[in-house]
């Protein structure tokens, strides 16, 4: 009697471990994002080049960079919120520390959150209405001297709205 119970307990533990490891990987694999070049034009006259993934649907915005383990210094993600509004973000299930650029409908950066803490449920507020949020690897803002008033430019930020 003890043998079958032990067998089922071990099998259940192995299955639970498998799902704990596999589900986050599957979640990352199933969400696909288009990519585009993005420039940051600084007030000092520098033009910084990035390649960003585009999060424009509600599902893409909800998923964002969750479960990512690595991201190049010249990579990131742009969140397009369609209309300017006050935006709140958090870092739940986000492994990487991030810098966040909050930009209005002209692409002008209005607020920056540097070094957002991985896995944190603390609310990160745009502080004013914005249309875009760009997430970059933590430390990039300080390293490259990106500041409020600088401007982001990409196909997403320059597209004409169709009705």
C-alpha atoms as a PDB file:
ATOM      1  CA  UNK A   1       0.000   0.000   0.000  1.00  0.00           C
ATOM      2  CA  UNK A   2       2.815   2.354   0.881  1.00  0.00           C
ATOM      3  CA  UNK A   3       4.540   1.815  -2.497  1.00  0.00           C
ATOM      4  CA  UNK A   4       1.702   3.169  -4.703  1.00  0.00           C
ATOM      5  CA  UNK A   5       1.168   6.177  -2.412  1.00  0.00           C
ATOM      6  CA  UNK A   6       4.877   7.024  -2.479  1.00  0.00           C
ATOM      7  CA  UNK A   7       4.961   6.581  -6.263  1.00  0.00           C
ATOM      8  CA  UNK A   8       2.023   8.984  -6.744  1.00  0.00           C
ATOM      9  CA  UNK A   9       3.525  11.528  -4.344  1.00  0.00           C
ATOM     10  CA  UNK A  10       6.849  11.502  -6.212  1.00  0.00           C
ATOM     11  CA  UNK A  11       5.104  11.693  -9.580  1.00  0.00           C
ATOM     12  CA  UNK A  12       3.006  14.653  -8.379  1.00  0.00           C
ATOM     13  CA  UNK A  13       6.096  16.446  -7.071  1.00  0.00           C
ATOM     14  CA  UNK A  14       7.922  15.949 -10.380  1.00  0.00           C
ATOM     15  CA  UNK A  15       4.924  17.239 -12.359  1.00  0.00           C
ATOM     16  CA  UNK A  16       4.608  20.271 -10.075  1.00  0.00           C
ATOM     17  CA  UNK A  17       8.313  21.049 -10.515  1.00  0.00           C
ATOM     18  CA  UNK A  18       7.994  20.691 -14.290  1.00  0.00           C
ATOM     19  CA  UNK A  19       5.101  23.155 -14.447  1.00  0.00           C
ATOM     20  CA  UNK A  20       6.854  25.637 -12.160  1.00  0.00           C
ATOM     21  CA  UNK A  21       9.816  25.696 -14.542  1.00  0.00           C
ATOM     22  CA  UNK A  22       8.004  25.305 -17.867  1.00  0.00           C
ATOM     23  CA  UNK A  23       5.067  27.720 -17.558  1.00  0.00           C
ATOM     24  CA  UNK A  24       7.091  30.955 -17.300  1.00  0.00           C
ATOM     25  CA  UNK A  25       9.174  29.829 -20.287  1.00  0.00           C
ATOM     26  CA  UNK A  26       6.028  29.006 -22.260  1.00  0.00           C
ATOM     27  CA  UNK A  27       4.499  32.383 -21.386  1.00  0.00           C
ATOM     28  CA  UNK A  28       7.578  34.144 -22.763  1.00  0.00           C
ATOM     29  CA  UNK A  29       7.643  32.016 -25.901  1.00  0.00           C
ATOM     30  CA  UNK A  30       3.976  32.526 -26.787  1.00  0.00           C
ATOM     31  CA  UNK A  31       3.998  36.343 -26.740  1.00  0.00           C
ATOM     32  CA  UNK A  32       5.481  37.791 -29.938  1.00  0.00           C
ATOM     33  CA  UNK A  33       6.289  41.437 -30.565  1.00  0.00           C
ATOM     34  CA  UNK A  34       7.158  43.323 -33.735  1.00  0.00           C
ATOM     35  CA  UNK A  35      10.379  45.356 -33.591  1.00  0.00           C
ATOM     36  CA  UNK A  36      11.373  48.782 -34.848  1.00  0.00           C
ATOM     37  CA  UNK A  37      14.270  51.219 -34.576  1.00  0.00           C
ATOM     38  CA  UNK A  38      13.849  53.935 -31.952  1.00  0.00           C
ATOM     39  CA  UNK A  39      15.946  57.078 -31.561  1.00  0.00           C
ATOM     40  CA  UNK A  40      16.394  59.194 -28.471  1.00  0.00           C
ATOM     41  CA  UNK A  41      17.264  62.755 -29.477  1.00  0.00           C
ATOM     42  CA  UNK A  42      18.884  64.470 -26.496  1.00  0.00           C
ATOM     43  CA  UNK A  43      18.788  68.181 -25.724  1.00  0.00           C
ATOM     44  CA  UNK A  44      22.598  68.038 -25.933  1.00  0.00           C
ATOM     45  CA  UNK A  45      22.305  67.045 -29.616  1.00  0.00           C
ATOM     46  CA  UNK A  46      23.150  63.346 -29.310  1.00  0.00           C
ATOM     47  CA  UNK A  47      21.111  60.761 -31.214  1.00  0.00           C
ATOM     48  CA  UNK A  48      20.950  57.407 -29.450  1.00  0.00           C
ATOM     49  CA  UNK A  49      19.927  54.278 -31.369  1.00  0.00           C
ATOM     50  CA  UNK A  50      17.848  51.398 -29.983  1.00  0.00           C
ATOM     51  CA  UNK A  51      15.836  48.484 -31.358  1.00  0.00           C
ATOM     52  CA  UNK A  52      12.578  48.127 -29.447  1.00  0.00           C
ATOM     53  CA  UNK A  53       9.767  45.628 -29.367  1.00  0.00           C
ATOM     54  CA  UNK A  54       6.298  47.147 -29.759  1.00  0.00           C
ATOM     55  CA  UNK A  55       3.625  46.503 -27.114  1.00  0.00           C
ATOM     56  CA  UNK A  56       0.487  48.027 -28.609  1.00  0.00           C
ATOM     57  CA  UNK A  57      -2.333  45.623 -27.697  1.00  0.00           C
ATOM     58  CA  UNK A  58      -3.744  45.232 -24.171  1.00  0.00           C
ATOM     59  CA  UNK A  59      -2.305  41.689 -23.934  1.00  0.00           C
ATOM     60  CA  UNK A  60       1.125  42.818 -25.116  1.00  0.00           C
ATOM     61  CA  UNK A  61       1.131  45.762 -22.698  1.00  0.00           C
ATOM     62  CA  UNK A  62       0.105  43.472 -19.818  1.00  0.00           C
ATOM     63  CA  UNK A  63       2.890  40.997 -20.635  1.00  0.00           C
ATOM     64  CA  UNK A  64       5.639  43.482 -21.463  1.00  0.00           C
ATOM     65  CA  UNK A  65       9.110  42.275 -20.516  1.00  0.00           C
ATOM     66  CA  UNK A  66       7.931  39.794 -17.876  1.00  0.00           C
ATOM     67  CA  UNK A  67      10.071  36.672 -17.515  1.00  0.00           C
ATOM     68  CA  UNK A  68      12.904  38.060 -19.699  1.00  0.00           C
ATOM     69  CA  UNK A  69      16.311  37.095 -18.408  1.00  0.00           C
ATOM     70  CA  UNK A  70      18.542  39.160 -20.708  1.00  0.00           C
ATOM     71  CA  UNK A  71      18.253  42.272 -22.838  1.00  0.00           C
ATOM     72  CA  UNK A  72      20.958  44.032 -24.836  1.00  0.00           C
ATOM     73  CA  UNK A  73      21.932  47.586 -23.892  1.00  0.00           C
ATOM     74  CA  UNK A  74      20.601  48.841 -27.237  1.00  0.00           C
ATOM     75  CA  UNK A  75      17.282  46.989 -26.932  1.00  0.00           C
ATOM     76  CA  UNK A  76      14.025  47.767 -25.186  1.00  0.00           C
ATOM     77  CA  UNK A  77      10.264  47.891 -25.478  1.00  0.00           C
ATOM     78  CA  UNK A  78       7.872  50.698 -26.387  1.00  0.00           C
ATOM     79  CA  UNK A  79       4.358  50.657 -24.956  1.00  0.00           C
ATOM     80  CA  UNK A  80       1.822  52.559 -27.082  1.00  0.00           C
ATOM     81  CA  UNK A  81      -1.270  53.555 -25.083  1.00  0.00           C
ATOM     82  CA  UNK A  82      -3.169  55.001 -28.102  1.00  0.00           C
ATOM     83  CA  UNK A  83      -4.313  58.144 -26.264  1.00  0.00           C
ATOM     84  CA  UNK A  84      -2.442  60.301 -23.730  1.00  0.00           C
ATOM     85  CA  UNK A  85      -3.314  59.349 -20.152  1.00  0.00           C
ATOM     86  CA  UNK A  86      -1.727  58.965 -16.776  1.00  0.00           C
ATOM     87  CA  UNK A  87      -0.025  55.560 -16.816  1.00  0.00           C
ATOM     88  CA  UNK A  88       1.004  53.283 -13.973  1.00  0.00           C
ATOM     89  CA  UNK A  89       3.408  50.379 -14.319  1.00  0.00           C
ATOM     90  CA  UNK A  90       4.869  47.750 -12.003  1.00  0.00           C
ATOM     91  CA  UNK A  91       7.596  45.130 -12.107  1.00  0.00           C
ATOM     92  CA  UNK A  92       5.748  41.975 -11.031  1.00  0.00           C
ATOM     93  CA  UNK A  93       7.266  38.925 -12.786  1.00  0.00           C
ATOM     94  CA  UNK A  94       9.906  41.177 -14.364  1.00  0.00           C
ATOM     95  CA  UNK A  95      13.332  39.682 -13.761  1.00  0.00           C
ATOM     96  CA  UNK A  96      15.414  42.518 -15.223  1.00  0.00           C
ATOM     97  CA  UNK A  97      15.863  45.894 -13.519  1.00  0.00           C
ATOM     98  CA  UNK A  98      14.649  48.575 -15.935  1.00  0.00           C
ATOM     99  CA  UNK A  99      14.795  52.282 -16.716  1.00  0.00           C
ATOM    100  CA  UNK A 100      11.421  53.674 -17.865  1.00  0.00           C
ATOM    101  CA  UNK A 101      10.930  56.712 -20.100  1.00  0.00           C
ATOM    102  CA  UNK A 102       7.435  58.231 -19.996  1.00  0.00           C
ATOM    103  CA  UNK A 103       6.757  60.298 -23.138  1.00  0.00           C
ATOM    104  CA  UNK A 104       3.820  62.410 -24.294  1.00  0.00           C
ATOM    105  CA  UNK A 105       2.114  62.267 -27.696  1.00  0.00           C
ATOM    106  CA  UNK A 106       4.925  64.352 -29.280  1.00  0.00           C
ATOM    107  CA  UNK A 107       7.533  61.854 -28.059  1.00  0.00           C
ATOM    108  CA  UNK A 108       8.904  64.297 -25.478  1.00  0.00           C
ATOM    109  CA  UNK A 109      10.095  62.515 -22.347  1.00  0.00           C
ATOM    110  CA  UNK A 110       8.160  63.924 -19.380  1.00  0.00           C
ATOM    111  CA  UNK A 111       9.306  61.618 -16.583  1.00  0.00           C
ATOM    112  CA  UNK A 112      11.970  58.954 -16.026  1.00  0.00           C
ATOM    113  CA  UNK A 113      12.056  56.115 -13.509  1.00  0.00           C
ATOM    114  CA  UNK A 114      15.560  54.712 -13.181  1.00  0.00           C
ATOM    115  CA  UNK A 115      16.463  51.271 -11.857  1.00  0.00           C
ATOM    116  CA  UNK A 116      12.961  49.899 -11.295  1.00  0.00           C
ATOM    117  CA  UNK A 117      13.262  46.979  -8.879  1.00  0.00           C
ATOM    118  CA  UNK A 118      12.644  43.473 -10.280  1.00  0.00           C
ATOM    119  CA  UNK A 119       9.524  41.681  -9.006  1.00  0.00           C
ATOM    120  CA  UNK A 120       8.300  44.806  -7.188  1.00  0.00           C
ATOM    121  CA  UNK A 121       4.577  45.497  -6.940  1.00  0.00           C
ATOM    122  CA  UNK A 122       5.249  49.158  -6.153  1.00  0.00           C
ATOM    123  CA  UNK A 123       3.355  51.437  -8.535  1.00  0.00           C
ATOM    124  CA  UNK A 124       5.486  53.472 -10.947  1.00  0.00           C
ATOM    125  CA  UNK A 125       3.506  56.557 -12.008  1.00  0.00           C
ATOM    126  CA  UNK A 126       3.991  58.588 -15.187  1.00  0.00           C
ATOM    127  CA  UNK A 127       3.190  61.723 -13.112  1.00  0.00           C
ATOM    128  CA  UNK A 128       1.384  63.314 -16.092  1.00  0.00           C
ATOM    129  CA  UNK A 129      -0.532  62.188 -19.197  1.00  0.00           C
ATOM    130  CA  UNK A 130       1.694  60.201 -21.581  1.00  0.00           C
ATOM    131  CA  UNK A 131       1.141  58.131 -24.700  1.00  0.00           C
ATOM    132  CA  UNK A 132       4.347  56.066 -24.659  1.00  0.00           C
ATOM    133  CA  UNK A 133       6.536  54.253 -22.169  1.00  0.00           C
ATOM    134  CA  UNK A 134       9.951  52.983 -23.263  1.00  0.00           C
ATOM    135  CA  UNK A 135      11.657  50.372 -21.101  1.00  0.00           C
ATOM    136  CA  UNK A 136      15.434  50.021 -21.324  1.00  0.00           C
ATOM    137  CA  UNK A 137      17.987  48.049 -19.326  1.00  0.00           C
ATOM    138  CA  UNK A 138      18.654  49.646 -15.940  1.00  0.00           C
ATOM    139  CA  UNK A 139      21.579  52.049 -15.978  1.00  0.00           C
ATOM    140  CA  UNK A 140      21.220  53.076 -19.627  1.00  0.00           C
ATOM    141  CA  UNK A 141      19.557  56.415 -18.751  1.00  0.00           C
ATOM    142  CA  UNK A 142      22.459  57.429 -16.490  1.00  0.00           C
ATOM    143  CA  UNK A 143      25.129  55.980 -18.796  1.00  0.00           C
ATOM    144  CA  UNK A 144      23.847  57.844 -21.875  1.00  0.00           C
ATOM    145  CA  UNK A 145      22.611  60.992 -20.115  1.00  0.00           C
ATOM    146  CA  UNK A 146      18.937  60.701 -21.122  1.00  0.00           C
ATOM    147  CA  UNK A 147      16.829  63.374 -19.406  1.00  0.00           C
ATOM    148  CA  UNK A 148      13.254  64.710 -19.322  1.00  0.00           C
ATOM    149  CA  UNK A 149      12.808  66.999 -22.325  1.00  0.00           C
ATOM    150  CA  UNK A 150      14.695  64.622 -24.647  1.00  0.00           C
ATOM    151  CA  UNK A 151      12.603  63.112 -27.422  1.00  0.00           C
ATOM    152  CA  UNK A 152      11.880  59.566 -28.610  1.00  0.00           C
ATOM    153  CA  UNK A 153      11.296  59.004 -32.325  1.00  0.00           C
ATOM    154  CA  UNK A 154      10.150  55.783 -34.002  1.00  0.00           C
ATOM    155  CA  UNK A 155       7.584  54.579 -36.514  1.00  0.00           C
ATOM    156  CA  UNK A 156       5.203  54.134 -33.564  1.00  0.00           C
ATOM    157  CA  UNK A 157       5.617  57.702 -32.296  1.00  0.00           C
ATOM    158  CA  UNK A 158       5.308  59.282 -35.739  1.00  0.00           C
ATOM    159  CA  UNK A 159       2.416  57.250 -37.168  1.00  0.00           C
ATOM    160  CA  UNK A 160      -0.761  59.096 -38.055  1.00  0.00           C
ATOM    161  CA  UNK A 161      -3.841  58.013 -36.155  1.00  0.00           C
ATOM    162  CA  UNK A 162      -6.541  56.569 -38.417  1.00  0.00           C
ATOM    163  CA  UNK A 163     -10.210  56.602 -37.539  1.00  0.00           C
END
